[in-house]
N, C-alpha and C. Protein backbone atom coordinates (compact mmCIF):
# COMPACT_ATOMS: atom_id res chain seq x y z
N GLU A 1 16.82 13.39 -9.12
CA GLU A 1 15.48 13.42 -9.64
C GLU A 1 14.52 12.92 -8.56
N ILE A 2 13.41 13.61 -8.43
CA ILE A 2 12.40 13.28 -7.43
C ILE A 2 11.07 13.04 -8.14
N TRP A 3 10.37 11.99 -7.73
CA TRP A 3 9.03 11.71 -8.23
C TRP A 3 8.31 10.87 -7.19
N LEU A 4 7.02 10.67 -7.38
CA LEU A 4 6.24 9.84 -6.47
C LEU A 4 5.96 8.49 -7.11
N SER A 5 5.99 7.45 -6.31
CA SER A 5 5.70 6.11 -6.84
C SER A 5 4.20 5.84 -6.91
N THR A 6 3.42 6.60 -6.15
CA THR A 6 1.96 6.48 -6.19
C THR A 6 1.36 7.87 -6.26
N PRO A 7 0.17 8.00 -6.84
CA PRO A 7 -0.45 9.32 -6.92
C PRO A 7 -0.93 9.80 -5.55
N PRO A 8 -0.95 11.11 -5.35
CA PRO A 8 -1.50 11.63 -4.10
C PRO A 8 -3.01 11.42 -4.04
N HIS A 9 -3.55 11.40 -2.85
CA HIS A 9 -4.99 11.27 -2.66
C HIS A 9 -5.65 12.63 -2.79
N ARG A 10 -6.88 12.63 -3.26
CA ARG A 10 -7.66 13.87 -3.32
C ARG A 10 -8.31 14.06 -1.95
N ILE A 11 -7.97 15.14 -1.28
CA ILE A 11 -8.52 15.45 0.04
C ILE A 11 -9.16 16.83 -0.04
N ASN A 12 -10.44 16.90 0.29
CA ASN A 12 -11.20 18.15 0.20
C ASN A 12 -11.05 18.79 -1.17
N GLY A 13 -11.07 17.98 -2.22
CA GLY A 13 -11.00 18.48 -3.59
C GLY A 13 -9.61 18.83 -4.07
N ASN A 14 -8.59 18.58 -3.26
CA ASN A 14 -7.22 18.95 -3.62
C ASN A 14 -6.35 17.69 -3.65
N ASP A 15 -5.66 17.46 -4.77
CA ASP A 15 -4.79 16.28 -4.88
C ASP A 15 -3.32 16.65 -4.93
N THR A 16 -2.97 17.81 -4.45
CA THR A 16 -1.59 18.29 -4.51
C THR A 16 -0.82 17.91 -3.24
N VAL A 17 0.40 17.42 -3.43
CA VAL A 17 1.33 17.23 -2.33
C VAL A 17 2.54 18.11 -2.61
N ILE A 18 2.97 18.85 -1.60
CA ILE A 18 4.14 19.71 -1.71
C ILE A 18 5.24 19.09 -0.85
N ILE A 19 6.43 18.99 -1.43
CA ILE A 19 7.57 18.44 -0.70
C ILE A 19 8.58 19.56 -0.50
N GLN A 20 8.89 19.82 0.76
CA GLN A 20 9.96 20.75 1.13
C GLN A 20 11.03 19.92 1.81
N TRP A 21 12.14 20.55 2.16
CA TRP A 21 13.28 19.79 2.69
C TRP A 21 13.84 20.47 3.92
N LYS A 22 14.38 19.66 4.84
CA LYS A 22 15.11 20.20 5.99
C LYS A 22 16.34 19.34 6.22
N PRO A 23 17.48 19.98 6.46
CA PRO A 23 18.70 19.22 6.75
C PRO A 23 18.67 18.70 8.18
N ARG A 24 19.26 17.54 8.38
CA ARG A 24 19.26 16.96 9.72
C ARG A 24 20.49 17.40 10.53
N GLU A 25 21.67 17.35 9.96
CA GLU A 25 22.87 17.66 10.74
C GLU A 25 23.42 19.04 10.35
N CYS A 26 24.29 19.10 9.40
CA CYS A 26 24.96 20.35 9.02
C CYS A 26 23.98 21.23 8.24
N THR A 27 23.40 22.21 8.92
CA THR A 27 22.32 23.00 8.31
C THR A 27 22.81 24.06 7.34
N ASP A 28 24.11 24.38 7.37
CA ASP A 28 24.61 25.41 6.45
C ASP A 28 25.69 24.86 5.50
N CYS A 29 25.75 23.55 5.33
CA CYS A 29 26.78 22.94 4.47
C CYS A 29 26.36 22.88 3.01
N PHE A 30 25.09 23.04 2.72
CA PHE A 30 24.64 22.93 1.34
C PHE A 30 23.36 23.73 1.14
N THR A 31 23.08 24.00 -0.12
CA THR A 31 21.83 24.65 -0.52
C THR A 31 21.13 23.73 -1.52
N TRP A 32 19.86 23.98 -1.75
CA TRP A 32 19.12 23.18 -2.73
C TRP A 32 18.08 24.06 -3.42
N THR A 33 17.84 23.73 -4.67
CA THR A 33 16.81 24.41 -5.45
C THR A 33 16.08 23.38 -6.30
N PRO A 34 14.80 23.53 -6.47
CA PRO A 34 13.94 24.54 -5.85
C PRO A 34 13.71 24.20 -4.38
N LYS A 35 13.20 25.15 -3.64
CA LYS A 35 12.95 24.95 -2.21
C LYS A 35 11.78 24.02 -1.96
N GLN A 36 10.90 23.88 -2.94
CA GLN A 36 9.81 22.92 -2.81
C GLN A 36 9.42 22.37 -4.18
N LEU A 37 8.91 21.15 -4.16
CA LEU A 37 8.40 20.49 -5.36
C LEU A 37 6.92 20.24 -5.16
N SER A 38 6.17 20.28 -6.24
CA SER A 38 4.73 20.09 -6.17
C SER A 38 4.31 18.97 -7.12
N PHE A 39 3.52 18.04 -6.60
CA PHE A 39 3.03 16.92 -7.40
C PHE A 39 1.52 16.81 -7.24
N ASN A 40 0.87 16.30 -8.29
CA ASN A 40 -0.56 16.01 -8.24
C ASN A 40 -0.83 14.75 -9.05
N ILE A 41 -2.09 14.44 -9.24
CA ILE A 41 -2.48 13.22 -9.95
C ILE A 41 -1.97 13.21 -11.39
N GLU A 42 -1.77 14.38 -11.98
CA GLU A 42 -1.33 14.48 -13.37
C GLU A 42 0.18 14.31 -13.54
N ASN A 43 0.97 14.75 -12.56
CA ASN A 43 2.42 14.77 -12.75
C ASN A 43 3.20 13.95 -11.71
N PHE A 44 2.52 13.10 -10.95
CA PHE A 44 3.21 12.42 -9.84
C PHE A 44 4.36 11.54 -10.29
N GLN A 45 4.33 11.03 -11.53
CA GLN A 45 5.43 10.19 -12.01
C GLN A 45 6.45 10.97 -12.83
N LYS A 46 6.19 12.24 -13.08
CA LYS A 46 7.14 13.06 -13.83
C LYS A 46 8.31 13.41 -12.91
N ARG A 47 9.50 13.11 -13.37
CA ARG A 47 10.70 13.36 -12.57
C ARG A 47 11.03 14.85 -12.55
N GLN A 48 11.22 15.37 -11.34
CA GLN A 48 11.60 16.77 -11.16
C GLN A 48 13.02 16.79 -10.60
N ILE A 49 13.76 17.80 -10.97
CA ILE A 49 15.17 17.91 -10.57
C ILE A 49 15.29 18.69 -9.27
N LEU A 50 15.99 18.11 -8.31
CA LEU A 50 16.37 18.80 -7.08
C LEU A 50 17.88 18.96 -7.13
N LYS A 51 18.34 20.19 -7.25
CA LYS A 51 19.78 20.45 -7.36
C LYS A 51 20.33 20.79 -5.97
N ILE A 52 21.30 20.00 -5.53
CA ILE A 52 21.92 20.18 -4.22
C ILE A 52 23.36 20.61 -4.43
N THR A 53 23.76 21.70 -3.77
CA THR A 53 25.11 22.24 -3.91
C THR A 53 25.75 22.33 -2.53
N ARG A 54 26.91 21.67 -2.38
CA ARG A 54 27.65 21.79 -1.12
C ARG A 54 28.38 23.13 -1.12
N VAL A 55 28.21 23.90 -0.05
CA VAL A 55 28.85 25.21 0.04
C VAL A 55 29.87 25.28 1.17
N LYS A 56 29.96 24.22 1.97
CA LYS A 56 30.88 24.20 3.10
C LYS A 56 31.20 22.74 3.42
N ASP A 57 32.47 22.47 3.73
CA ASP A 57 32.85 21.12 4.13
C ASP A 57 32.17 20.77 5.44
N GLY A 58 31.79 19.53 5.53
CA GLY A 58 31.15 19.06 6.75
C GLY A 58 30.99 17.56 6.70
N SER A 59 30.43 17.02 7.75
CA SER A 59 30.23 15.58 7.82
C SER A 59 29.03 15.17 6.98
N GLN A 60 28.87 13.87 6.83
CA GLN A 60 27.71 13.34 6.11
C GLN A 60 26.45 13.86 6.78
N THR A 61 25.46 14.18 6.00
CA THR A 61 24.20 14.68 6.54
C THR A 61 23.04 14.15 5.71
N ASN A 62 21.86 14.31 6.22
CA ASN A 62 20.65 13.88 5.52
C ASN A 62 19.78 15.09 5.21
N LEU A 63 19.16 15.06 4.06
CA LEU A 63 18.16 16.04 3.69
C LEU A 63 16.82 15.31 3.80
N ILE A 64 16.00 15.73 4.75
CA ILE A 64 14.76 15.03 5.07
C ILE A 64 13.58 15.72 4.37
N PRO A 65 12.75 14.97 3.65
CA PRO A 65 11.58 15.59 3.02
C PRO A 65 10.50 15.91 4.05
N VAL A 66 9.77 16.98 3.78
CA VAL A 66 8.59 17.34 4.56
C VAL A 66 7.42 17.31 3.60
N PHE A 67 6.50 16.37 3.79
CA PHE A 67 5.36 16.19 2.89
C PHE A 67 4.16 16.96 3.43
N ASN A 68 3.51 17.72 2.56
CA ASN A 68 2.30 18.45 2.93
C ASN A 68 1.20 18.16 1.91
N GLY A 69 0.12 17.53 2.36
CA GLY A 69 -1.04 17.29 1.51
C GLY A 69 -1.01 15.97 0.78
N GLY A 70 -2.10 15.70 0.10
CA GLY A 70 -2.21 14.51 -0.74
C GLY A 70 -2.18 13.19 -0.01
N GLY A 71 -2.37 13.23 1.32
CA GLY A 71 -2.31 12.00 2.10
C GLY A 71 -0.90 11.57 2.44
N PHE A 72 0.09 12.35 2.03
CA PHE A 72 1.48 12.00 2.29
C PHE A 72 1.95 12.51 3.66
N ASP A 73 1.09 13.24 4.36
CA ASP A 73 1.44 13.77 5.68
C ASP A 73 1.79 12.66 6.67
N ASN A 74 1.24 11.47 6.44
CA ASN A 74 1.45 10.34 7.35
C ASN A 74 2.62 9.45 6.95
N VAL A 75 3.31 9.78 5.88
CA VAL A 75 4.45 8.99 5.41
C VAL A 75 5.65 9.27 6.32
N LEU A 76 6.39 8.23 6.67
CA LEU A 76 7.59 8.38 7.50
C LEU A 76 8.69 9.02 6.64
N PRO A 77 9.01 10.30 6.84
CA PRO A 77 9.93 11.00 5.94
C PRO A 77 11.36 10.48 5.94
N GLU A 78 11.83 9.93 7.05
CA GLU A 78 13.21 9.44 7.12
C GLU A 78 13.48 8.35 6.10
N VAL A 79 12.45 7.60 5.73
CA VAL A 79 12.61 6.53 4.74
C VAL A 79 13.03 7.10 3.39
N TYR A 80 12.65 8.35 3.12
CA TYR A 80 12.91 8.98 1.82
C TYR A 80 13.97 10.08 1.90
N SER A 81 14.80 10.05 2.92
CA SER A 81 15.83 11.08 3.06
C SER A 81 16.92 10.90 2.00
N ILE A 82 17.58 12.00 1.71
CA ILE A 82 18.71 12.00 0.77
C ILE A 82 19.98 12.12 1.60
N ILE A 83 20.90 11.17 1.44
CA ILE A 83 22.16 11.19 2.18
C ILE A 83 23.18 11.97 1.36
N ILE A 84 23.79 12.97 2.00
CA ILE A 84 24.79 13.80 1.33
C ILE A 84 26.13 13.58 2.04
N GLN A 85 27.12 13.17 1.26
CA GLN A 85 28.43 12.89 1.85
C GLN A 85 29.42 13.98 1.52
């Protein structure tokens, strides 16, 4: 489950932050859905499901979030990575 601990900032009239993901090590060991999650001032605390499926054996890897918008562009993404073993 993914959610935000604080609401996104309204920038140029838009308070939406989109989170996408990129794998750090084994790029073809797993898939995830949905490919992006969207949060705003209304739903930032609502938990959204990110389903991760391993499709190939591999070493431990991290799924790193990519934040776009809502003032989250400056957040250090590694702090919020998902470790997949």
